[in-house]
């Protein structure tokens, strides 16, 4: 299954509620370059089921999010991820997105997102 590696930008951090108080902007999503979507074999627009390990509780969280083209990029968006532990994420950290097909219809896909401070691998959430 394909992976997308994303170096987080300052505006990507607004995906996490802990950063939305100090970073102005309305993005609230993670961008994926549009040319990459072809290789992910996802029919657009899509609803993705994402799984991630919450940095505060250590619990695996599963939720659905829209994945659609907005302007020149495709964005994973929806409500912000809550938790004070996400404050330690910074621009330049790495987010690894693993895309796995969960449905043959092409309207739903499963994605595992792992992200965390790239310089401190011990604090990186694992899925």
Protein backbone atom coordinates (compact mmCIF):
# COMPACT_ATOMS: atom_id res chain seq x y z
CA UNK A 1 0.00 0.00 0.00
CA UNK A 2 1.27 3.51 -0.78
CA UNK A 3 2.73 5.93 1.73
CA UNK A 4 2.93 9.71 1.62
CA UNK A 5 5.62 11.45 3.66
CA UNK A 6 4.72 15.00 4.59
CA UNK A 7 7.02 17.53 6.25
CA UNK A 8 4.59 19.57 8.29
CA UNK A 9 4.36 23.25 7.51
CA UNK A 10 3.33 25.84 10.07
CA UNK A 11 -0.17 25.97 8.57
CA UNK A 12 -0.49 22.15 8.70
CA UNK A 13 -0.25 22.41 12.47
CA UNK A 14 -3.73 23.96 12.58
CA UNK A 15 -4.97 20.39 12.00
CA UNK A 16 -4.28 20.04 15.75
CA UNK A 17 -6.44 22.13 18.10
CA UNK A 18 -3.48 22.88 20.39
CA UNK A 19 -1.92 24.99 17.61
CA UNK A 20 -5.07 26.72 16.39
CA UNK A 21 -4.93 29.19 19.28
CA UNK A 22 -1.56 30.61 18.23
CA UNK A 23 -1.52 30.11 14.44
CA UNK A 24 -3.96 32.19 12.47
CA UNK A 25 -5.44 30.80 9.30
CA UNK A 26 -8.29 28.64 8.15
CA UNK A 27 -6.57 25.62 6.61
CA UNK A 28 -7.40 23.00 9.30
CA UNK A 29 -6.21 20.16 7.10
CA UNK A 30 -3.22 18.27 5.74
CA UNK A 31 -2.44 18.86 2.07
CA UNK A 32 -1.34 16.13 -0.32
CA UNK A 33 -0.02 17.21 -3.73
CA UNK A 34 -2.70 16.52 -6.35
CA UNK A 35 -0.33 14.63 -8.68
CA UNK A 36 0.23 11.99 -5.96
CA UNK A 37 -3.46 11.04 -5.65
CA UNK A 38 -3.35 9.07 -8.92
CA UNK A 39 -0.82 6.71 -7.30
CA UNK A 40 -3.03 6.26 -4.23
CA UNK A 41 -5.83 4.75 -6.38
CA UNK A 42 -8.51 6.77 -4.59
CA UNK A 43 -11.50 8.07 -6.55
CA UNK A 44 -12.11 11.70 -5.61
CA UNK A 45 -13.81 13.04 -3.60
CA UNK A 46 -13.51 10.37 -0.93
CA UNK A 47 -14.20 9.75 2.71
CA UNK A 48 -11.20 8.21 4.43
CA UNK A 49 -11.20 6.26 7.65
CA UNK A 50 -8.13 7.31 9.58
CA UNK A 51 -6.46 5.54 12.50
CA UNK A 52 -3.87 7.11 14.75
CA UNK A 53 -2.50 6.66 18.23
CA UNK A 54 -3.49 9.66 20.34
CA UNK A 55 -0.39 11.21 21.92
CA UNK A 56 -2.12 12.08 25.21
CA UNK A 57 -3.99 8.84 25.92
CA UNK A 58 -2.08 6.28 23.83
CA UNK A 59 -5.42 4.97 22.55
CA UNK A 60 -5.99 4.11 18.90
CA UNK A 61 -8.50 6.58 17.48
CA UNK A 62 -10.55 5.78 14.38
CA UNK A 63 -12.62 8.40 12.59
CA UNK A 64 -13.75 9.34 9.09
CA UNK A 65 -12.60 12.48 7.30
CA UNK A 66 -13.25 14.06 3.92
CA UNK A 67 -10.41 13.87 1.38
CA UNK A 68 -11.08 16.22 -1.52
CA UNK A 69 -9.51 18.64 -3.95
CA UNK A 70 -9.37 22.22 -2.77
CA UNK A 71 -7.69 24.56 -5.23
CA UNK A 72 -4.47 22.93 -6.49
CA UNK A 73 -4.03 20.29 -3.77
CA UNK A 74 -6.01 17.52 -2.18
CA UNK A 75 -6.72 17.96 1.49
CA UNK A 76 -7.49 15.66 4.38
CA UNK A 77 -9.73 17.87 6.47
CA UNK A 78 -12.49 17.86 9.03
CA UNK A 79 -12.57 18.78 12.67
CA UNK A 80 -9.31 19.45 14.49
CA UNK A 81 -7.51 16.72 16.41
CA UNK A 82 -7.85 17.53 20.13
CA UNK A 83 -5.16 17.11 22.78
CA UNK A 84 -2.48 19.14 24.53
CA UNK A 85 0.23 16.63 23.58
CA UNK A 86 0.12 17.89 20.00
CA UNK A 87 1.62 21.21 21.14
CA UNK A 88 5.09 19.66 20.85
CA UNK A 89 4.63 19.11 17.11
CA UNK A 90 6.45 21.74 15.05
CA UNK A 91 6.97 22.82 11.47
CA UNK A 92 9.45 20.44 9.85
CA UNK A 93 8.22 17.37 11.73
CA UNK A 94 7.30 14.39 9.61
CA UNK A 95 3.81 12.95 9.12
CA UNK A 96 3.67 9.52 7.52
CA UNK A 97 0.37 8.73 5.81
CA UNK A 98 -0.26 5.08 4.89
CA UNK A 99 -3.09 4.56 2.43
CA UNK A 100 -4.76 1.14 2.31
CA UNK A 101 -7.85 0.28 0.33
CA UNK A 102 -10.85 -0.67 2.47
CA UNK A 103 -13.52 -0.57 -0.20
CA UNK A 104 -13.68 -1.64 -3.83
CA UNK A 105 -16.19 1.11 -4.60
CA UNK A 106 -13.49 3.78 -4.42
CA UNK A 107 -15.55 6.04 -2.18
CA UNK A 108 -13.93 4.95 1.02
CA UNK A 109 -10.38 4.22 1.91
CA UNK A 110 -8.47 3.46 5.06
CA UNK A 111 -5.47 5.51 6.06
CA UNK A 112 -3.15 5.25 9.02
CA UNK A 113 -1.53 8.52 10.03
CA UNK A 114 1.62 8.61 12.09
CA UNK A 115 3.17 11.90 12.98
CA UNK A 116 5.38 13.38 15.58
CA UNK A 117 8.48 15.35 16.29
CA UNK A 118 11.03 14.04 13.80
CA UNK A 119 13.97 14.75 16.07
CA UNK A 120 12.46 12.80 18.98
CA UNK A 121 11.48 9.40 17.68
CA UNK A 122 10.58 8.17 21.17
CA UNK A 123 7.62 10.55 21.23
CA UNK A 124 6.37 9.66 17.75
CA UNK A 125 2.96 7.98 17.94
CA UNK A 126 2.92 4.53 16.39
CA UNK A 127 -0.02 2.88 14.66
